[in-house]
Amino acid sequence: MLKRPEPAEYPSYYREYVELVPEGRILDIFESQEKELEELVQNLTEEQLLFRYAPGKWSVKEVIGHVTDTERVLSYRAMCIARGEQTPLPGFNEEEYVKNADFDRLSVRGLLGHFSAVRRGTIHLFKSLRPDDWLKSGKANGFPITVRALAYIIAGHALHHQNIIRERYLKAKDFPAKG
């Protein structure tokens, strides 16, 4: 079983995500998350999917799109570092990505299909790694980070946003009722 990354393997702002990941095989956790996200949102109405729990917050659709985009970026970083890339990798502006993607125009089926495709790619990437690849370190967004840490951050980021959907959206006093 892959050991949880040490705090020195990633920037401190990712600590919450790493700590959210339960004990177990990271690849099994990746597999289960795909189904969990689908179960969480597949039966929501369009009005519910477009709900924002506060002004300036993303809709449920935008959260799904954000999770997908972030996973794609973090998986790319993991691949680059595992392959020995030493050029510092850029950061990304998640607010701009969401704003420019217009996720609200997409169907929930399309968004879930997109997430599934990216997650399948993530799983295949991490399954292909050699044991020593997991501990390789590179630089992303100005900070050192390991491949192992990126795997945990991907899983923890998805869990974080699933929790936000459950707590801040589905339990909001003004969350739309099913029609």
C-alpha atoms as a PDB file:
ATOM      1  CA  MET A   1       0.000   0.000   0.000  1.00  0.00           C
ATOM      2  CA  LEU A   2       1.230   3.482  -0.881  1.00  0.00           C
ATOM      3  CA  LYS A   3       2.190   5.536   2.148  1.00  0.00           C
ATOM      4  CA  ARG A   4       0.551   8.919   2.702  1.00  0.00           C
ATOM      5  CA  PRO A   5       2.884  11.757   1.603  1.00  0.00           C
ATOM      6  CA  GLU A   6       4.906  13.641   4.184  1.00  0.00           C
ATOM      7  CA  PRO A   7       4.102  17.364   4.684  1.00  0.00           C
ATOM      8  CA  ALA A   8       7.442  18.319   3.083  1.00  0.00           C
ATOM      9  CA  GLU A   9       6.266  16.737  -0.200  1.00  0.00           C
ATOM     10  CA  TYR A  10       3.663  19.404  -1.000  1.00  0.00           C
ATOM     11  CA  PRO A  11       2.761  23.035  -0.290  1.00  0.00           C
ATOM     12  CA  SER A  12       1.010  23.521   3.059  1.00  0.00           C
ATOM     13  CA  TYR A  13      -2.147  24.850   1.378  1.00  0.00           C
ATOM     14  CA  TYR A  14      -2.842  21.284   0.151  1.00  0.00           C
ATOM     15  CA  ARG A  15      -2.718  19.797   3.660  1.00  0.00           C
ATOM     16  CA  GLU A  16      -6.508  19.758   4.055  1.00  0.00           C
ATOM     17  CA  TYR A  17      -6.900  17.711   0.878  1.00  0.00           C
ATOM     18  CA  VAL A  18      -4.204  15.187   1.796  1.00  0.00           C
ATOM     19  CA  GLU A  19      -5.685  14.721   5.269  1.00  0.00           C
ATOM     20  CA  LEU A  20      -9.176  14.103   3.852  1.00  0.00           C
ATOM     21  CA  VAL A  21      -8.045  10.991   1.994  1.00  0.00           C
ATOM     22  CA  PRO A  22      -9.007   7.858   3.951  1.00  0.00           C
ATOM     23  CA  GLU A  23      -6.632   4.993   4.570  1.00  0.00           C
ATOM     24  CA  GLY A  24      -6.546   2.497   1.724  1.00  0.00           C
ATOM     25  CA  ARG A  25      -5.143   2.028  -1.740  1.00  0.00           C
ATOM     26  CA  ILE A  26      -5.173   5.337  -3.585  1.00  0.00           C
ATOM     27  CA  LEU A  27      -6.207   3.638  -6.847  1.00  0.00           C
ATOM     28  CA  ASP A  28      -9.222   2.069  -5.096  1.00  0.00           C
ATOM     29  CA  ILE A  29     -10.112   5.471  -3.693  1.00  0.00           C
ATOM     30  CA  PHE A  30      -9.935   6.965  -7.196  1.00  0.00           C
ATOM     31  CA  GLU A  31     -12.274   4.227  -8.453  1.00  0.00           C
ATOM     32  CA  SER A  32     -14.853   4.738  -5.704  1.00  0.00           C
ATOM     33  CA  GLN A  33     -14.902   8.522  -6.065  1.00  0.00           C
ATOM     34  CA  GLU A  34     -16.072   8.328  -9.646  1.00  0.00           C
ATOM     35  CA  LYS A  35     -19.215   6.456  -8.598  1.00  0.00           C
ATOM     36  CA  GLU A  36     -19.728   8.626  -5.497  1.00  0.00           C
ATOM     37  CA  LEU A  37     -19.794  11.854  -7.495  1.00  0.00           C
ATOM     38  CA  GLU A  38     -22.281  10.397  -9.951  1.00  0.00           C
ATOM     39  CA  GLU A  39     -24.548   9.187  -7.137  1.00  0.00           C
ATOM     40  CA  LEU A  40     -24.343  12.583  -5.452  1.00  0.00           C
ATOM     41  CA  VAL A  41     -25.520  14.661  -8.430  1.00  0.00           C
ATOM     42  CA  GLN A  42     -27.166  12.416 -11.030  1.00  0.00           C
ATOM     43  CA  ASN A  43     -30.723  12.885  -9.746  1.00  0.00           C
ATOM     44  CA  LEU A  44     -30.570  16.633  -9.183  1.00  0.00           C
ATOM     45  CA  THR A  45     -32.888  18.803 -11.250  1.00  0.00           C
ATOM     46  CA  GLU A  46     -31.531  21.445 -13.593  1.00  0.00           C
ATOM     47  CA  GLU A  47     -32.603  24.125 -11.118  1.00  0.00           C
ATOM     48  CA  GLN A  48     -30.688  22.337  -8.344  1.00  0.00           C
ATOM     49  CA  LEU A  49     -27.614  21.920 -10.543  1.00  0.00           C
ATOM     50  CA  LEU A  50     -27.591  25.663 -11.224  1.00  0.00           C
ATOM     51  CA  PHE A  51     -28.073  26.586  -7.541  1.00  0.00           C
ATOM     52  CA  ARG A  52     -25.489  28.800  -5.836  1.00  0.00           C
ATOM     53  CA  TYR A  53     -25.540  28.789  -2.052  1.00  0.00           C
ATOM     54  CA  ALA A  54     -24.254  32.381  -1.877  1.00  0.00           C
ATOM     55  CA  PRO A  55     -23.583  35.272  -4.261  1.00  0.00           C
ATOM     56  CA  GLY A  56     -20.354  34.770  -6.194  1.00  0.00           C
ATOM     57  CA  LYS A  57     -20.218  31.030  -5.481  1.00  0.00           C
ATOM     58  CA  TRP A  58     -20.168  28.417  -8.213  1.00  0.00           C
ATOM     59  CA  SER A  59     -23.162  26.346  -9.242  1.00  0.00           C
ATOM     60  CA  VAL A  60     -23.113  22.576  -8.672  1.00  0.00           C
ATOM     61  CA  LYS A  61     -22.340  22.192 -12.390  1.00  0.00           C
ATOM     62  CA  GLU A  62     -19.408  24.565 -12.072  1.00  0.00           C
ATOM     63  CA  VAL A  63     -18.095  22.620  -9.079  1.00  0.00           C
ATOM     64  CA  ILE A  64     -18.119  19.406 -11.137  1.00  0.00           C
ATOM     65  CA  GLY A  65     -16.335  21.181 -13.989  1.00  0.00           C
ATOM     66  CA  HIS A  66     -13.804  22.668 -11.582  1.00  0.00           C
ATOM     67  CA  VAL A  67     -13.021  19.274 -10.046  1.00  0.00           C
ATOM     68  CA  THR A  68     -12.487  17.869 -13.537  1.00  0.00           C
ATOM     69  CA  ASP A  69     -10.268  20.732 -14.717  1.00  0.00           C
ATOM     70  CA  THR A  70      -8.191  20.631 -11.543  1.00  0.00           C
ATOM     71  CA  GLU A  71      -7.702  16.884 -11.824  1.00  0.00           C
ATOM     72  CA  ARG A  72      -6.536  17.288 -15.401  1.00  0.00           C
ATOM     73  CA  VAL A  73      -3.962  19.916 -14.351  1.00  0.00           C
ATOM     74  CA  LEU A  74      -2.740  17.922 -11.338  1.00  0.00           C
ATOM     75  CA  SER A  75      -2.499  14.688 -13.344  1.00  0.00           C
ATOM     76  CA  TYR A  76      -0.489  16.499 -15.992  1.00  0.00           C
ATOM     77  CA  ARG A  77       1.859  17.719 -13.276  1.00  0.00           C
ATOM     78  CA  ALA A  78       2.193  14.153 -11.936  1.00  0.00           C
ATOM     79  CA  MET A  79       2.992  12.823 -15.420  1.00  0.00           C
ATOM     80  CA  CYS A  80       5.591  15.528 -16.061  1.00  0.00           C
ATOM     81  CA  ILE A  81       7.337  14.961 -12.754  1.00  0.00           C
ATOM     82  CA  ALA A  82       7.197  11.160 -13.067  1.00  0.00           C
ATOM     83  CA  ARG A  83       8.831  11.467 -16.486  1.00  0.00           C
ATOM     84  CA  GLY A  84      11.666  13.520 -15.032  1.00  0.00           C
ATOM     85  CA  GLU A  85      10.623  17.029 -16.033  1.00  0.00           C
ATOM     86  CA  GLN A  86      12.641  19.592 -14.101  1.00  0.00           C
ATOM     87  CA  THR A  87      11.195  22.722 -15.710  1.00  0.00           C
ATOM     88  CA  PRO A  88       8.944  24.444 -13.155  1.00  0.00           C
ATOM     89  CA  LEU A  89       5.290  23.848 -14.013  1.00  0.00           C
ATOM     90  CA  PRO A  90       2.888  26.813 -13.998  1.00  0.00           C
ATOM     91  CA  GLY A  91       0.016  27.427 -11.655  1.00  0.00           C
ATOM     92  CA  PHE A  92      -3.504  28.037 -12.913  1.00  0.00           C
ATOM     93  CA  ASN A  93      -6.310  30.406 -12.038  1.00  0.00           C
ATOM     94  CA  GLU A  94      -9.287  28.239 -11.101  1.00  0.00           C
ATOM     95  CA  GLU A  95     -11.682  31.215 -11.137  1.00  0.00           C
ATOM     96  CA  GLU A  96     -10.737  32.071 -14.729  1.00  0.00           C
ATOM     97  CA  TYR A  97     -10.988  28.435 -15.803  1.00  0.00           C
ATOM     98  CA  VAL A  98     -14.536  28.169 -14.444  1.00  0.00           C
ATOM     99  CA  LYS A  99     -15.556  31.558 -15.828  1.00  0.00           C
ATOM    100  CA  ASN A 100     -14.288  30.710 -19.306  1.00  0.00           C
ATOM    101  CA  ALA A 101     -15.642  27.156 -19.435  1.00  0.00           C
ATOM    102  CA  ASP A 102     -19.352  28.033 -19.117  1.00  0.00           C
ATOM    103  CA  PHE A 103     -20.083  24.688 -17.421  1.00  0.00           C
ATOM    104  CA  ASP A 104     -23.689  25.700 -16.710  1.00  0.00           C
ATOM    105  CA  ARG A 105     -24.575  25.202 -20.387  1.00  0.00           C
ATOM    106  CA  LEU A 106     -23.559  21.518 -20.235  1.00  0.00           C
ATOM    107  CA  SER A 107     -25.761  18.636 -19.154  1.00  0.00           C
ATOM    108  CA  VAL A 108     -25.003  16.808 -15.933  1.00  0.00           C
ATOM    109  CA  ARG A 109     -24.511  13.658 -18.044  1.00  0.00           C
ATOM    110  CA  GLY A 110     -21.917  15.484 -20.123  1.00  0.00           C
ATOM    111  CA  LEU A 111     -20.146  16.846 -17.052  1.00  0.00           C
ATOM    112  CA  LEU A 112     -20.086  13.427 -15.377  1.00  0.00           C
ATOM    113  CA  GLY A 113     -18.868  11.837 -18.624  1.00  0.00           C
ATOM    114  CA  HIS A 114     -16.075  14.387 -18.801  1.00  0.00           C
ATOM    115  CA  PHE A 115     -15.118  13.730 -15.170  1.00  0.00           C
ATOM    116  CA  SER A 116     -15.175   9.980 -15.799  1.00  0.00           C
ATOM    117  CA  ALA A 117     -12.923  10.295 -18.852  1.00  0.00           C
ATOM    118  CA  VAL A 118     -10.404  12.417 -16.951  1.00  0.00           C
ATOM    119  CA  ARG A 119     -10.573  10.086 -13.925  1.00  0.00           C
ATOM    120  CA  ARG A 120     -10.000   7.032 -16.153  1.00  0.00           C
ATOM    121  CA  GLY A 121      -6.911   8.778 -17.544  1.00  0.00           C
ATOM    122  CA  THR A 122      -5.727   9.599 -14.019  1.00  0.00           C
ATOM    123  CA  ILE A 123      -6.126   5.982 -12.936  1.00  0.00           C
ATOM    124  CA  HIS A 124      -4.283   4.683 -15.999  1.00  0.00           C
ATOM    125  CA  LEU A 125      -1.460   7.164 -15.439  1.00  0.00           C
ATOM    126  CA  PHE A 126      -0.951   6.229 -11.803  1.00  0.00           C
ATOM    127  CA  LYS A 127      -1.283   2.492 -12.530  1.00  0.00           C
ATOM    128  CA  SER A 128       1.531   2.818 -15.070  1.00  0.00           C
ATOM    129  CA  LEU A 129       4.011   4.312 -12.611  1.00  0.00           C
ATOM    130  CA  ARG A 130       7.004   2.411 -11.302  1.00  0.00           C
ATOM    131  CA  PRO A 131       7.498   2.367  -7.514  1.00  0.00           C
ATOM    132  CA  ASP A 132      10.309   4.949  -7.651  1.00  0.00           C
ATOM    133  CA  ASP A 133       8.206   7.313  -9.810  1.00  0.00           C
ATOM    134  CA  TRP A 134       5.871   8.036  -6.876  1.00  0.00           C
ATOM    135  CA  LEU A 135       8.653   9.726  -4.898  1.00  0.00           C
ATOM    136  CA  LYS A 136       9.976  11.885  -7.721  1.00  0.00           C
ATOM    137  CA  SER A 137       9.819  15.578  -6.994  1.00  0.00           C
ATOM    138  CA  GLY A 138       9.377  18.574  -9.238  1.00  0.00           C
ATOM    139  CA  LYS A 139       8.216  22.141  -8.952  1.00  0.00           C
ATOM    140  CA  ALA A 140       4.661  23.328  -9.635  1.00  0.00           C
ATOM    141  CA  ASN A 141       3.225  26.775  -9.008  1.00  0.00           C
ATOM    142  CA  GLY A 142       6.556  27.733  -7.434  1.00  0.00           C
ATOM    143  CA  PHE A 143       6.625  24.933  -4.846  1.00  0.00           C
ATOM    144  CA  PRO A 144       8.258  21.501  -4.655  1.00  0.00           C
ATOM    145  CA  ILE A 145       5.810  18.593  -4.916  1.00  0.00           C
ATOM    146  CA  THR A 146       6.014  14.818  -5.359  1.00  0.00           C
ATOM    147  CA  VAL A 147       4.045  12.528  -7.613  1.00  0.00           C
ATOM    148  CA  ARG A 148       2.712  10.718  -4.527  1.00  0.00           C
ATOM    149  CA  ALA A 149       1.489  13.994  -3.061  1.00  0.00           C
ATOM    150  CA  LEU A 150      -0.271  14.858  -6.318  1.00  0.00           C
ATOM    151  CA  ALA A 151      -2.185  11.561  -6.204  1.00  0.00           C
ATOM    152  CA  TYR A 152      -3.410  12.338  -2.690  1.00  0.00           C
ATOM    153  CA  ILE A 153      -4.205  15.941  -3.568  1.00  0.00           C
ATOM    154  CA  ILE A 154      -6.323  14.801  -6.532  1.00  0.00           C
ATOM    155  CA  ALA A 155      -8.293  12.417  -4.310  1.00  0.00           C
ATOM    156  CA  GLY A 156      -8.587  14.920  -1.460  1.00  0.00           C
ATOM    157  CA  HIS A 157      -9.657  17.737  -3.764  1.00  0.00           C
ATOM    158  CA  ALA A 158     -12.513  15.611  -5.123  1.00  0.00           C
ATOM    159  CA  LEU A 159     -13.553  14.647  -1.571  1.00  0.00           C
ATOM    160  CA  HIS A 160     -13.411  18.281  -0.466  1.00  0.00           C
ATOM    161  CA  HIS A 161     -15.806  19.353  -3.197  1.00  0.00           C
ATOM    162  CA  GLN A 162     -18.141  16.393  -2.679  1.00  0.00           C
ATOM    163  CA  ASN A 163     -18.356  17.452   0.968  1.00  0.00           C
ATOM    164  CA  ILE A 164     -19.073  21.040  -0.058  1.00  0.00           C
ATOM    165  CA  ILE A 165     -21.890  19.878  -2.353  1.00  0.00           C
ATOM    166  CA  ARG A 166     -23.396  17.830   0.516  1.00  0.00           C
ATOM    167  CA  GLU A 167     -23.007  20.502   3.207  1.00  0.00           C
ATOM    168  CA  ARG A 168     -23.356  23.871   1.490  1.00  0.00           C
ATOM    169  CA  TYR A 169     -25.604  23.054  -1.448  1.00  0.00           C
ATOM    170  CA  LEU A 170     -27.868  20.132  -0.611  1.00  0.00           C
ATOM    171  CA  LYS A 171     -28.423  21.328   2.983  1.00  0.00           C
ATOM    172  CA  ALA A 172     -28.914  25.006   2.148  1.00  0.00           C
ATOM    173  CA  LYS A 173     -32.179  26.437   3.453  1.00  0.00           C
ATOM    174  CA  ASP A 174     -33.020  27.781   0.006  1.00  0.00           C
ATOM    175  CA  PHE A 175     -31.893  24.733  -1.994  1.00  0.00           C
ATOM    176  CA  PRO A 176     -34.626  24.187  -4.622  1.00  0.00           C
ATOM    177  CA  ALA A 177     -37.076  21.374  -3.957  1.00  0.00           C
ATOM    178  CA  LYS A 178     -37.566  18.718  -6.613  1.00  0.00           C
ATOM    179  CA  GLY A 179     -40.308  19.814  -8.965  1.00  0.00           C
END
